[in-house]
Amino acid sequence: MINEIDLLTLNEVKTILKYKQIDSVKNWLSDNDVRIHHFGNKRNMVFKIDFDSILMIEKGKELRSLYPTNWKEVLEFYINDNRLLQIVLFKLNSDTEYLKPSTVVKPINNNEEKLIMDI
């Protein structure tokens, strides 16, 4: 059961991001797949954990490139909330951008093309 849900207003997000316009905040939230919610008389709210996870995912990507073998341990020093840490790790582990191949194989004849299709 959830006892307390931390929410942020768009003005609070604007202050954290150091933006000047609410429209810029809405675009940033949309680009980062953070949904804006309306609860009764509370309008234009975001879950704090969703917002925080996006910020920490960026830090996680940075650490993953700097410390490829132990980036998770280093990330734990940045995040002291275990729920947030688990969300960030889940999203980073399912991040397909990191797993995209860097080499493209182009077949030079039909036999090679058939071989690639069979794989």
PDB file of N, CA and C in Angstrom:
ATOM      1  N   MET A   1       0.843  -1.187   0.000  1.00  0.00           N
ATOM      2  CA  MET A   1       0.000   0.000   0.000  1.00  0.00           C
ATOM      3  C   MET A   1       0.881   1.242   0.000  1.00  0.00           C
ATOM      4  N   ILE A   2       0.497   2.205  -0.763  1.00  0.00           N
ATOM      5  CA  ILE A   2       1.270   3.439  -0.869  1.00  0.00           C
ATOM      6  C   ILE A   2       0.753   4.418   0.177  1.00  0.00           C
ATOM      7  N   ASN A   3       1.619   4.809   1.099  1.00  0.00           N
ATOM      8  CA  ASN A   3       1.214   5.747   2.138  1.00  0.00           C
ATOM      9  C   ASN A   3       1.337   7.181   1.668  1.00  0.00           C
ATOM     10  N   GLU A   4       2.377   7.458   0.950  1.00  0.00           N
ATOM     11  CA  GLU A   4       2.615   8.821   0.510  1.00  0.00           C
ATOM     12  C   GLU A   4       3.182   8.794  -0.894  1.00  0.00           C
ATOM     13  N   ILE A   5       2.573   9.566  -1.776  1.00  0.00           N
ATOM     14  CA  ILE A   5       3.039   9.646  -3.155  1.00  0.00           C
ATOM     15  C   ILE A   5       3.617  11.031  -3.363  1.00  0.00           C
ATOM     16  N   ASP A   6       4.871  11.072  -3.748  1.00  0.00           N
ATOM     17  CA  ASP A   6       5.510  12.353  -4.021  1.00  0.00           C
ATOM     18  C   ASP A   6       5.205  12.778  -5.447  1.00  0.00           C
ATOM     19  N   LEU A   7       4.632  13.964  -5.561  1.00  0.00           N
ATOM     20  CA  LEU A   7       4.306  14.543  -6.854  1.00  0.00           C
ATOM     21  C   LEU A   7       5.039  15.870  -7.008  1.00  0.00           C
ATOM     22  N   LEU A   8       5.306  16.230  -8.242  1.00  0.00           N
ATOM     23  CA  LEU A   8       5.903  17.529  -8.550  1.00  0.00           C
ATOM     24  C   LEU A   8       4.969  18.295  -9.464  1.00  0.00           C
ATOM     25  N   THR A   9       4.848  19.582  -9.238  1.00  0.00           N
ATOM     26  CA  THR A   9       4.110  20.428 -10.174  1.00  0.00           C
ATOM     27  C   THR A   9       5.023  20.758 -11.349  1.00  0.00           C
ATOM     28  N   LEU A  10       4.446  21.229 -12.420  1.00  0.00           N
ATOM     29  CA  LEU A  10       5.271  21.614 -13.563  1.00  0.00           C
ATOM     30  C   LEU A  10       6.165  22.798 -13.222  1.00  0.00           C
ATOM     31  N   ASN A  11       5.706  23.669 -12.333  1.00  0.00           N
ATOM     32  CA  ASN A  11       6.555  24.781 -11.897  1.00  0.00           C
ATOM     33  C   ASN A  11       7.770  24.285 -11.118  1.00  0.00           C
ATOM     34  N   GLU A  12       7.585  23.245 -10.308  1.00  0.00           N
ATOM     35  CA  GLU A  12       8.723  22.675  -9.585  1.00  0.00           C
ATOM     36  C   GLU A  12       9.712  22.032 -10.554  1.00  0.00           C
ATOM     37  N   VAL A  13       9.196  21.343 -11.555  1.00  0.00           N
ATOM     38  CA  VAL A  13      10.059  20.739 -12.576  1.00  0.00           C
ATOM     39  C   VAL A  13      10.792  21.833 -13.339  1.00  0.00           C
ATOM     40  N   LYS A  14      10.078  22.891 -13.652  1.00  0.00           N
ATOM     41  CA  LYS A  14      10.679  24.030 -14.369  1.00  0.00           C
ATOM     42  C   LYS A  14      11.852  24.597 -13.577  1.00  0.00           C
ATOM     43  N   THR A  15      11.685  24.726 -12.271  1.00  0.00           N
ATOM     44  CA  THR A  15      12.752  25.243 -11.412  1.00  0.00           C
ATOM     45  C   THR A  15      13.944  24.293 -11.381  1.00  0.00           C
ATOM     46  N   ILE A  16      13.682  23.000 -11.250  1.00  0.00           N
ATOM     47  CA  ILE A  16      14.767  22.007 -11.195  1.00  0.00           C
ATOM     48  C   ILE A  16      15.557  22.002 -12.496  1.00  0.00           C
ATOM     49  N   LEU A  17      14.848  22.037 -13.623  1.00  0.00           N
ATOM     50  CA  LEU A  17      15.507  22.003 -14.937  1.00  0.00           C
ATOM     51  C   LEU A  17      16.071  23.357 -15.351  1.00  0.00           C
ATOM     52  N   LYS A  18      15.705  24.396 -14.597  1.00  0.00           N
ATOM     53  CA  LYS A  18      16.137  25.760 -14.894  1.00  0.00           C
ATOM     54  C   LYS A  18      15.622  26.229 -16.261  1.00  0.00           C
ATOM     55  N   TYR A  19      14.375  25.867 -16.547  1.00  0.00           N
ATOM     56  CA  TYR A  19      13.704  26.331 -17.747  1.00  0.00           C
ATOM     57  C   TYR A  19      12.913  27.593 -17.427  1.00  0.00           C
ATOM     58  N   LYS A  20      12.607  28.341 -18.466  1.00  0.00           N
ATOM     59  CA  LYS A  20      11.837  29.570 -18.271  1.00  0.00           C
ATOM     60  C   LYS A  20      10.372  29.404 -18.651  1.00  0.00           C
ATOM     61  N   GLN A  21      10.071  28.488 -19.533  1.00  0.00           N
ATOM     62  CA  GLN A  21       8.717  28.320 -20.054  1.00  0.00           C
ATOM     63  C   GLN A  21       8.151  26.947 -19.676  1.00  0.00           C
ATOM     64  N   ILE A  22       6.879  26.929 -19.313  1.00  0.00           N
ATOM     65  CA  ILE A  22       6.191  25.673 -19.006  1.00  0.00           C
ATOM     66  C   ILE A  22       6.100  24.790 -20.253  1.00  0.00           C
ATOM     67  N   ASP A  23       5.955  25.406 -21.424  1.00  0.00           N
ATOM     68  CA  ASP A  23       5.904  24.620 -22.657  1.00  0.00           C
ATOM     69  C   ASP A  23       7.201  23.842 -22.872  1.00  0.00           C
ATOM     70  N   SER A  24       8.323  24.438 -22.509  1.00  0.00           N
ATOM     71  CA  SER A  24       9.609  23.737 -22.612  1.00  0.00           C
ATOM     72  C   SER A  24       9.640  22.546 -21.666  1.00  0.00           C
ATOM     73  N   VAL A  25       9.087  22.717 -20.475  1.00  0.00           N
ATOM     74  CA  VAL A  25       9.013  21.624 -19.505  1.00  0.00           C
ATOM     75  C   VAL A  25       8.140  20.501 -20.059  1.00  0.00           C
ATOM     76  N   LYS A  26       6.984  20.848 -20.615  1.00  0.00           N
ATOM     77  CA  LYS A  26       6.089  19.839 -21.189  1.00  0.00           C
ATOM     78  C   LYS A  26       6.775  19.077 -22.324  1.00  0.00           C
ATOM     79  N   ASN A  27       7.522  19.789 -23.156  1.00  0.00           N
ATOM     80  CA  ASN A  27       8.253  19.125 -24.245  1.00  0.00           C
ATOM     81  C   ASN A  27       9.308  18.184 -23.696  1.00  0.00           C
ATOM     82  N   TRP A  28      10.047  18.628 -22.666  1.00  0.00           N
ATOM     83  CA  TRP A  28      11.084  17.789 -22.063  1.00  0.00           C
ATOM     84  C   TRP A  28      10.461  16.532 -21.471  1.00  0.00           C
ATOM     85  N   LEU A  29       9.366  16.701 -20.745  1.00  0.00           N
ATOM     86  CA  LEU A  29       8.681  15.554 -20.146  1.00  0.00           C
ATOM     87  C   LEU A  29       8.187  14.598 -21.226  1.00  0.00           C
ATOM     88  N   SER A  30       7.613  15.125 -22.288  1.00  0.00           N
ATOM     89  CA  SER A  30       7.125  14.289 -23.385  1.00  0.00           C
ATOM     90  C   SER A  30       8.272  13.550 -24.070  1.00  0.00           C
ATOM     91  N   ASP A  31       9.369  14.247 -24.331  1.00  0.00           N
ATOM     92  CA  ASP A  31      10.530  13.631 -24.982  1.00  0.00           C
ATOM     93  C   ASP A  31      11.129  12.509 -24.137  1.00  0.00           C
ATOM     94  N   ASN A  32      10.957  12.605 -22.824  1.00  0.00           N
ATOM     95  CA  ASN A  32      11.524  11.613 -21.911  1.00  0.00           C
ATOM     96  C   ASN A  32      10.470  10.647 -21.371  1.00  0.00           C
ATOM     97  N   ASP A  33       9.305  10.641 -21.992  1.00  0.00           N
ATOM     98  CA  ASP A  33       8.225   9.709 -21.645  1.00  0.00           C
ATOM     99  C   ASP A  33       7.782   9.799 -20.187  1.00  0.00           C
ATOM    100  N   VAL A  34       7.759  11.009 -19.653  1.00  0.00           N
ATOM    101  CA  VAL A  34       7.222  11.243 -18.312  1.00  0.00           C
ATOM    102  C   VAL A  34       5.825  11.824 -18.501  1.00  0.00           C
ATOM    103  N   ARG A  35       4.848  11.106 -18.012  1.00  0.00           N
ATOM    104  CA  ARG A  35       3.456  11.481 -18.216  1.00  0.00           C
ATOM    105  C   ARG A  35       2.996  12.543 -17.216  1.00  0.00           C
ATOM    106  N   ILE A  36       2.223  13.500 -17.687  1.00  0.00           N
ATOM    107  CA  ILE A  36       1.623  14.525 -16.827  1.00  0.00           C
ATOM    108  C   ILE A  36       0.251  14.019 -16.397  1.00  0.00           C
ATOM    109  N   HIS A  37      -0.014  14.079 -15.080  1.00  0.00           N
ATOM    110  CA  HIS A  37      -1.245  13.544 -14.510  1.00  0.00           C
ATOM    111  C   HIS A  37      -2.120  14.651 -13.941  1.00  0.00           C
ATOM    112  N   HIS A  38      -3.416  14.317 -13.814  1.00  0.00           N
ATOM    113  CA  HIS A  38      -4.400  15.211 -13.199  1.00  0.00           C
ATOM    114  C   HIS A  38      -5.150  14.395 -12.148  1.00  0.00           C
ATOM    115  N   PHE A  39      -5.039  14.796 -10.894  1.00  0.00           N
ATOM    116  CA  PHE A  39      -5.712  14.116  -9.798  1.00  0.00           C
ATOM    117  C   PHE A  39      -6.656  15.101  -9.117  1.00  0.00           C
ATOM    118  N   GLY A  40      -7.939  14.968  -9.377  1.00  0.00           N
ATOM    119  CA  GLY A  40      -8.912  15.860  -8.743  1.00  0.00           C
ATOM    120  C   GLY A  40      -8.581  17.312  -9.026  1.00  0.00           C
ATOM    121  N   ASN A  41      -8.342  18.071  -7.951  1.00  0.00           N
ATOM    122  CA  ASN A  41      -8.020  19.483  -8.138  1.00  0.00           C
ATOM    123  C   ASN A  41      -6.518  19.715  -8.361  1.00  0.00           C
ATOM    124  N   LYS A  42      -5.732  18.647  -8.307  1.00  0.00           N
ATOM    125  CA  LYS A  42      -4.300  18.759  -8.595  1.00  0.00           C
ATOM    126  C   LYS A  42      -4.100  18.491 -10.081  1.00  0.00           C
ATOM    127  N   ARG A  43      -3.739  19.527 -10.803  1.00  0.00           N
ATOM    128  CA  ARG A  43      -3.569  19.408 -12.240  1.00  0.00           C
ATOM    129  C   ARG A  43      -2.097  19.574 -12.610  1.00  0.00           C
ATOM    130  N   ASN A  44      -1.729  18.954 -13.718  1.00  0.00           N
ATOM    131  CA  ASN A  44      -0.364  19.074 -14.241  1.00  0.00           C
ATOM    132  C   ASN A  44       0.684  18.671 -13.214  1.00  0.00           C
ATOM    133  N   MET A  45       0.602  17.414 -12.791  1.00  0.00           N
ATOM    134  CA  MET A  45       1.528  16.864 -11.813  1.00  0.00           C
ATOM    135  C   MET A  45       2.280  15.691 -12.454  1.00  0.00           C
ATOM    136  N   VAL A  46       3.504  15.466 -12.006  1.00  0.00           N
ATOM    137  CA  VAL A  46       4.261  14.292 -12.418  1.00  0.00           C
ATOM    138  C   VAL A  46       4.723  13.560 -11.161  1.00  0.00           C
ATOM    139  N   PHE A  47       4.871  12.258 -11.275  1.00  0.00           N
ATOM    140  CA  PHE A  47       5.407  11.496 -10.164  1.00  0.00           C
ATOM    141  C   PHE A  47       6.894  11.825 -10.031  1.00  0.00           C
ATOM    142  N   LYS A  48       7.292  12.151  -8.825  1.00  0.00           N
ATOM    143  CA  LYS A  48       8.685  12.527  -8.568  1.00  0.00           C
ATOM    144  C   LYS A  48       9.635  11.399  -8.943  1.00  0.00           C
ATOM    145  N   ILE A  49       9.251  10.170  -8.650  1.00  0.00           N
ATOM    146  CA  ILE A  49      10.130   9.035  -8.944  1.00  0.00           C
ATOM    147  C   ILE A  49      10.323   8.868 -10.449  1.00  0.00           C
ATOM    148  N   ASP A  50       9.295   9.172 -11.253  1.00  0.00           N
ATOM    149  CA  ASP A  50       9.445   9.111 -12.716  1.00  0.00           C
ATOM    150  C   ASP A  50      10.429  10.166 -13.204  1.00  0.00           C
ATOM    151  N   PHE A  51      10.278  11.368 -12.666  1.00  0.00           N
ATOM    152  CA  PHE A  51      11.169  12.472 -13.033  1.00  0.00           C
ATOM    153  C   PHE A  51      12.605  12.171 -12.601  1.00  0.00           C
ATOM    154  N   ASP A  52      12.770  11.753 -11.353  1.00  0.00           N
ATOM    155  CA  ASP A  52      14.114  11.451 -10.831  1.00  0.00           C
ATOM    156  C   ASP A  52      14.772  10.311 -11.601  1.00  0.00           C
ATOM    157  N   SER A  53      13.975   9.324 -12.001  1.00  0.00           N
ATOM    158  CA  SER A  53      14.563   8.180 -12.713  1.00  0.00           C
ATOM    159  C   SER A  53      15.143   8.607 -14.058  1.00  0.00           C
ATOM    160  N   ILE A  54      14.493   9.537 -14.741  1.00  0.00           N
ATOM    161  CA  ILE A  54      15.020  10.010 -16.029  1.00  0.00           C
ATOM    162  C   ILE A  54      16.363  10.701 -15.830  1.00  0.00           C
ATOM    163  N   LEU A  55      16.453  11.526 -14.796  1.00  0.00           N
ATOM    164  CA  LEU A  55      17.724  12.212 -14.528  1.00  0.00           C
ATOM    165  C   LEU A  55      18.825  11.206 -14.200  1.00  0.00           C
ATOM    166  N   MET A  56      18.495  10.201 -13.407  1.00  0.00           N
ATOM    167  CA  MET A  56      19.509   9.232 -12.991  1.00  0.00           C
ATOM    168  C   MET A  56      19.847   8.233 -14.098  1.00  0.00           C
ATOM    169  N   ILE A  57      18.931   8.007 -15.019  1.00  0.00           N
ATOM    170  CA  ILE A  57      19.245   7.142 -16.166  1.00  0.00           C
ATOM    171  C   ILE A  57      20.360   7.774 -16.985  1.00  0.00           C
ATOM    172  N   GLU A  58      20.301   9.087 -17.152  1.00  0.00           N
ATOM    173  CA  GLU A  58      21.375   9.770 -17.885  1.00  0.00           C
ATOM    174  C   GLU A  58      22.705   9.590 -17.169  1.00  0.00           C
ATOM    175  N   LYS A  59      22.690   9.689 -15.833  1.00  0.00           N
ATOM    176  CA  LYS A  59      23.920   9.479 -15.065  1.00  0.00           C
ATOM    177  C   LYS A  59      24.374   8.028 -15.208  1.00  0.00           C
ATOM    178  N   GLY A  60      23.426   7.100 -15.190  1.00  0.00           N
ATOM    179  CA  GLY A  60      23.762   5.688 -15.356  1.00  0.00           C
ATOM    180  C   GLY A  60      24.411   5.404 -16.699  1.00  0.00           C
ATOM    181  N   LYS A  61      23.913   6.029 -17.768  1.00  0.00           N
ATOM    182  CA  LYS A  61      24.514   5.843 -19.093  1.00  0.00           C
ATOM    183  C   LYS A  61      25.943   6.372 -19.113  1.00  0.00           C
ATOM    184  N   GLU A  62      26.138   7.504 -18.460  1.00  0.00           N
ATOM    185  CA  GLU A  62      27.486   8.074 -18.373  1.00  0.00           C
ATOM    186  C   GLU A  62      28.415   7.131 -17.618  1.00  0.00           C
ATOM    187  N   LEU A  63      27.964   6.619 -16.483  1.00  0.00           N
ATOM    188  CA  LEU A  63      28.790   5.712 -15.684  1.00  0.00           C
ATOM    189  C   LEU A  63      29.046   4.401 -16.411  1.00  0.00           C
ATOM    190  N   ARG A  64      28.062   3.933 -17.173  1.00  0.00           N
ATOM    191  CA  ARG A  64      28.220   2.679 -17.925  1.00  0.00           C
ATOM    192  C   ARG A  64      29.337   2.806 -18.951  1.00  0.00           C
ATOM    193  N   SER A  65      29.485   3.990 -19.538  1.00  0.00           N
ATOM    194  CA  SER A  65      30.569   4.163 -20.515  1.00  0.00           C
ATOM    195  C   SER A  65      31.917   4.410 -19.831  1.00  0.00           C
ATOM    196  N   LEU A  66      31.904   5.036 -18.653  1.00  0.00           N
ATOM    197  CA  LEU A  66      33.153   5.293 -17.931  1.00  0.00           C
ATOM    198  C   LEU A  66      33.690   4.063 -17.199  1.00  0.00           C
ATOM    199  N   TYR A  67      32.777   3.281 -16.637  1.00  0.00           N
ATOM    200  CA  TYR A  67      33.154   2.110 -15.825  1.00  0.00           C
ATOM    201  C   TYR A  67      32.378   0.882 -16.300  1.00  0.00           C
ATOM    202  N   PRO A  68      32.734   0.337 -17.450  1.00  0.00           N
ATOM    203  CA  PRO A  68      31.928  -0.736 -18.047  1.00  0.00           C
ATOM    204  C   PRO A  68      31.767  -1.978 -17.166  1.00  0.00           C
ATOM    205  N   THR A  69      32.711  -2.262 -16.296  1.00  0.00           N
ATOM    206  CA  THR A  69      32.625  -3.491 -15.509  1.00  0.00           C
ATOM    207  C   THR A  69      31.935  -3.311 -14.164  1.00  0.00           C
ATOM    208  N   ASN A  70      31.954  -2.103 -13.612  1.00  0.00           N
ATOM    209  CA  ASN A  70      31.350  -1.929 -12.278  1.00  0.00           C
ATOM    210  C   ASN A  70      30.503  -0.658 -12.171  1.00  0.00           C
ATOM    211  N   TRP A  71      29.850  -0.280 -13.251  1.00  0.00           N
ATOM    212  CA  TRP A  71      29.048   0.939 -13.247  1.00  0.00           C
ATOM    213  C   TRP A  71      27.869   0.854 -12.284  1.00  0.00           C
ATOM    214  N   LYS A  72      27.318  -0.353 -12.077  1.00  0.00           N
ATOM    215  CA  LYS A  72      26.174  -0.489 -11.169  1.00  0.00           C
ATOM    216  C   LYS A  72      26.573  -0.156  -9.733  1.00  0.00           C
ATOM    217  N   GLU A  73      27.743  -0.619  -9.328  1.00  0.00           N
ATOM    218  CA  GLU A  73      28.216  -0.321  -7.973  1.00  0.00           C
ATOM    219  C   GLU A  73      28.459   1.176  -7.792  1.00  0.00           C
ATOM    220  N   VAL A  74      29.012   1.818  -8.811  1.00  0.00           N
ATOM    221  CA  VAL A  74      29.256   3.256  -8.739  1.00  0.00           C
ATOM    222  C   VAL A  74      27.924   4.014  -8.705  1.00  0.00           C
ATOM    223  N   LEU A  75      26.937   3.554  -9.482  1.00  0.00           N
ATOM    224  CA  LEU A  75      25.627   4.204  -9.500  1.00  0.00           C
ATOM    225  C   LEU A  75      24.969   4.179  -8.120  1.00  0.00           C
ATOM    226  N   GLU A  76      25.211   3.130  -7.364  1.00  0.00           N
ATOM    227  CA  GLU A  76      24.636   3.031  -6.018  1.00  0.00           C
ATOM    228  C   GLU A  76      25.097   4.168  -5.115  1.00  0.00           C
ATOM    229  N   PHE A  77      26.259   4.736  -5.373  1.00  0.00           N
ATOM    230  CA  PHE A  77      26.730   5.874  -4.589  1.00  0.00           C
ATOM    231  C   PHE A  77      25.931   7.143  -4.896  1.00  0.00           C
ATOM    232  N   TYR A  78      25.377   7.214  -6.088  1.00  0.00           N
ATOM    233  CA  TYR A  78      24.600   8.385  -6.502  1.00  0.00           C
ATOM    234  C   TYR A  78      23.140   8.305  -6.048  1.00  0.00           C
ATOM    235  N   ILE A  79      22.613   7.090  -5.916  1.00  0.00           N
ATOM    236  CA  ILE A  79      21.190   6.898  -5.603  1.00  0.00           C
ATOM    237  C   ILE A  79      21.071   6.207  -4.253  1.00  0.00           C
ATOM    238  N   ASN A  80      20.495   6.902  -3.271  1.00  0.00           N
ATOM    239  CA  ASN A  80      20.347   6.284  -1.954  1.00  0.00           C
ATOM    240  C   ASN A  80      18.934   5.759  -1.700  1.00  0.00           C
ATOM    241  N   ASP A  81      18.012   5.962  -2.636  1.00  0.00           N
ATOM    242  CA  ASP A  81      16.653   5.437  -2.541  1.00  0.00           C
ATOM    243  C   ASP A  81      16.610   4.114  -3.311  1.00  0.00           C
ATOM    244  N   ASN A  82      16.379   3.011  -2.607  1.00  0.00           N
ATOM    245  CA  ASN A  82      16.429   1.694  -3.241  1.00  0.00           C
ATOM    246  C   ASN A  82      15.372   1.534  -4.332  1.00  0.00           C
ATOM    247  N   ARG A  83      14.171   2.107  -4.145  1.00  0.00           N
ATOM    248  CA  ARG A  83      13.137   2.013  -5.187  1.00  0.00           C
ATOM    249  C   ARG A  83      13.598   2.700  -6.463  1.00  0.00           C
ATOM    250  N   LEU A  84      14.165   3.878  -6.321  1.00  0.00           N
ATOM    251  CA  LEU A  84      14.661   4.616  -7.487  1.00  0.00           C
ATOM    252  C   LEU A  84      15.794   3.850  -8.154  1.00  0.00           C
ATOM    253  N   LEU A  85      16.696   3.301  -7.360  1.00  0.00           N
ATOM    254  CA  LEU A  85      17.810   2.522  -7.907  1.00  0.00           C
ATOM    255  C   LEU A  85      17.294   1.345  -8.731  1.00  0.00           C
ATOM    256  N   GLN A  86      16.297   0.632  -8.217  1.00  0.00           N
ATOM    257  CA  GLN A  86      15.757  -0.526  -8.934  1.00  0.00           C
ATOM    258  C   GLN A  86      15.104  -0.122 -10.252  1.00  0.00           C
ATOM    259  N   ILE A  87      14.386   0.991 -10.253  1.00  0.00           N
ATOM    260  CA  ILE A  87      13.754   1.475 -11.491  1.00  0.00           C
ATOM    261  C   ILE A  87      14.819   1.844 -12.514  1.00  0.00           C
ATOM    262  N   VAL A  88      15.847   2.567 -12.079  1.00  0.00           N
ATOM    263  CA  VAL A  88      16.911   2.996 -12.989  1.00  0.00           C
ATOM    264  C   VAL A  88      17.646   1.787 -13.556  1.00  0.00           C
ATOM    265  N   LEU A  89      17.984   0.829 -12.705  1.00  0.00           N
ATOM    266  CA  LEU A  89      18.677  -0.370 -13.183  1.00  0.00           C
ATOM    267  C   LEU A  89      17.809  -1.157 -14.161  1.00  0.00           C
ATOM    268  N   PHE A  90      16.523  -1.270 -13.868  1.00  0.00           N
ATOM    269  CA  PHE A  90      15.619  -1.979 -14.774  1.00  0.00           C
ATOM    270  C   PHE A  90      15.596  -1.309 -16.143  1.00  0.00           C
ATOM    271  N   LYS A  91      15.436   0.010 -16.147  1.00  0.00           N
ATOM    272  CA  LYS A  91      15.366   0.729 -17.415  1.00  0.00           C
ATOM    273  C   LYS A  91      16.690   0.684 -18.169  1.00  0.00           C
ATOM    274  N   LEU A  92      17.802   0.761 -17.454  1.00  0.00           N
ATOM    275  CA  LEU A  92      19.103   0.694 -18.122  1.00  0.00           C
ATOM    276  C   LEU A  92      19.380  -0.699 -18.663  1.00  0.00           C
ATOM    277  N   ASN A  93      18.969  -1.727 -17.948  1.00  0.00           N
ATOM    278  CA  ASN A  93      19.190  -3.092 -18.420  1.00  0.00           C
ATOM    279  C   ASN A  93      18.324  -3.431 -19.614  1.00  0.00           C
ATOM    280  N   SER A  94      17.190  -2.761 -19.753  1.00  0.00           N
ATOM    281  CA  SER A  94      16.327  -3.016 -20.901  1.00  0.00           C
ATOM    282  C   SER A  94      16.553  -2.001 -22.016  1.00  0.00           C
ATOM    283  N   ASP A  95      17.582  -1.201 -21.863  1.00  0.00           N
ATOM    284  CA  ASP A  95      17.902  -0.160 -22.841  1.00  0.00           C
ATOM    285  C   ASP A  95      18.506  -0.807 -24.081  1.00  0.00           C
ATOM    286  N   THR A  96      17.748  -0.829 -25.176  1.00  0.00           N
ATOM    287  CA  THR A  96      18.230  -1.479 -26.392  1.00  0.00           C
ATOM    288  C   THR A  96      19.218  -0.612 -27.155  1.00  0.00           C
ATOM    289  N   GLU A  97      19.227   0.691 -26.861  1.00  0.00           N
ATOM    290  CA  GLU A  97      20.165   1.585 -27.545  1.00  0.00           C
ATOM    291  C   GLU A  97      21.605   1.133 -27.301  1.00  0.00           C
ATOM    292  N   TYR A  98      21.878   0.674 -26.117  1.00  0.00           N
ATOM    293  CA  TYR A  98      23.217   0.236 -25.739  1.00  0.00           C
ATOM    294  C   TYR A  98      23.607  -1.047 -26.460  1.00  0.00           C
ATOM    295  N   LEU A  99      22.629  -1.841 -26.878  1.00  0.00           N
ATOM    296  CA  LEU A  99      22.898  -3.147 -27.459  1.00  0.00           C
ATOM    297  C   LEU A  99      22.885  -3.176 -28.977  1.00  0.00           C
ATOM    298  N   LYS A 100      22.730  -2.029 -29.609  1.00  0.00           N
ATOM    299  CA  LYS A 100      22.690  -2.006 -31.070  1.00  0.00           C
ATOM    300  C   LYS A 100      24.049  -2.390 -31.645  1.00  0.00           C
ATOM    301  N   PRO A 101      24.047  -3.177 -32.709  1.00  0.00           N
ATOM    302  CA  PRO A 101      25.327  -3.591 -33.299  1.00  0.00           C
ATOM    303  C   PRO A 101      26.065  -2.409 -33.921  1.00  0.00           C
ATOM    304  N   SER A 102      27.369  -2.486 -33.876  1.00  0.00           N
ATOM    305  CA  SER A 102      28.169  -1.412 -34.450  1.00  0.00           C
ATOM    306  C   SER A 102      28.636  -1.735 -35.860  1.00  0.00           C
ATOM    307  N   THR A 103      28.430  -2.976 -36.289  1.00  0.00           N
ATOM    308  CA  THR A 103      28.859  -3.403 -37.611  1.00  0.00           C
ATOM    309  C   THR A 103      27.666  -3.947 -38.381  1.00  0.00           C
ATOM    310  N   VAL A 104      27.574  -3.569 -39.640  1.00  0.00           N
ATOM    311  CA  VAL A 104      26.522  -4.075 -40.509  1.00  0.00           C
ATOM    312  C   VAL A 104      27.165  -5.007 -41.529  1.00  0.00           C
ATOM    313  N   VAL A 105      26.606  -6.210 -41.640  1.00  0.00           N
ATOM    314  CA  VAL A 105      27.122  -7.185 -42.595  1.00  0.00           C
ATOM    315  C   VAL A 105      26.281  -7.103 -43.849  1.00  0.00           C
ATOM    316  N   LYS A 106      26.959  -6.866 -44.970  1.00  0.00           N
ATOM    317  CA  LYS A 106      26.269  -6.807 -46.252  1.00  0.00           C
ATOM    318  C   LYS A 106      26.700  -8.004 -47.088  1.00  0.00           C
ATOM    319  N   PRO A 107      25.723  -8.808 -47.499  1.00  0.00           N
ATOM    320  CA  PRO A 107      26.073  -9.975 -48.319  1.00  0.00           C
ATOM    321  C   PRO A 107      26.542  -9.543 -49.710  1.00  0.00           C
ATOM    322  N   ILE A 108      27.483 -10.300 -50.255  1.00  0.00           N
ATOM    323  CA  ILE A 108      27.988  -9.953 -51.586  1.00  0.00           C
ATOM    324  C   ILE A 108      27.368 -10.824 -52.682  1.00  0.00           C
ATOM    325  N   ASN A 109      26.675 -11.880 -52.275  1.00  0.00           N
ATOM    326  CA  ASN A 109      25.991 -12.694 -53.279  1.00  0.00           C
ATOM    327  C   ASN A 109      24.755 -13.339 -52.648  1.00  0.00           C
ATOM    328  N   ASN A 110      24.004 -14.077 -53.441  1.00  0.00           N
ATOM    329  CA  ASN A 110      22.748 -14.676 -52.977  1.00  0.00           C
ATOM    330  C   ASN A 110      22.969 -15.736 -51.906  1.00  0.00           C
ATOM    331  N   ASN A 111      24.062 -16.499 -52.016  1.00  0.00           N
ATOM    332  CA  ASN A 111      24.340 -17.536 -51.018  1.00  0.00           C
ATOM    333  C   ASN A 111      24.573 -16.913 -49.635  1.00  0.00           C
ATOM    334  N   GLU A 112      25.310 -15.834 -49.598  1.00  0.00           N
ATOM    335  CA  GLU A 112      25.548 -15.164 -48.322  1.00  0.00           C
ATOM    336  C   GLU A 112      24.260 -14.549 -47.780  1.00  0.00           C
ATOM    337  N   GLU A 113      23.447 -13.992 -48.651  1.00  0.00           N
ATOM    338  CA  GLU A 113      22.181 -13.410 -48.218  1.00  0.00           C
ATOM    339  C   GLU A 113      21.272 -14.474 -47.611  1.00  0.00           C
ATOM    340  N   LYS A 114      21.235 -15.653 -48.243  1.00  0.00           N
ATOM    341  CA  LYS A 114      20.443 -16.759 -47.723  1.00  0.00           C
ATOM    342  C   LYS A 114      20.980 -17.213 -46.370  1.00  0.00           C
ATOM    343  N   LEU A 115      22.290 -17.268 -46.219  1.00  0.00           N
ATOM    344  CA  LEU A 115      22.899 -17.649 -44.960  1.00  0.00           C
ATOM    345  C   LEU A 115      22.536 -16.674 -43.846  1.00  0.00           C
ATOM    346  N   ILE A 116      22.572 -15.402 -44.137  1.00  0.00           N
ATOM    347  CA  ILE A 116      22.224 -14.369 -43.146  1.00  0.00           C
ATOM    348  C   ILE A 116      20.747 -14.497 -42.761  1.00  0.00           C
ATOM    349  N   MET A 117      19.894 -14.753 -43.731  1.00  0.00           N
ATOM    350  CA  MET A 117      18.462 -14.884 -43.452  1.00  0.00           C
ATOM    351  C   MET A 117      18.170 -16.101 -42.583  1.00  0.00           C
ATOM    352  N   ASP A 118      18.982 -17.152 -42.734  1.00  0.00           N
ATOM    353  CA  ASP A 118      18.784 -18.385 -41.945  1.00  0.00           C
ATOM    354  C   ASP A 118      19.229 -18.226 -40.497  1.00  0.00           C
ATOM    355  N   ILE A 119      20.075 -17.243 -40.229  1.00  0.00           N
ATOM    356  CA  ILE A 119      20.615 -17.065 -38.869  1.00  0.00           C
ATOM    357  C   ILE A 119      19.601 -16.491 -37.942  1.00  0.00           C
TER     358      ILE A 119
END
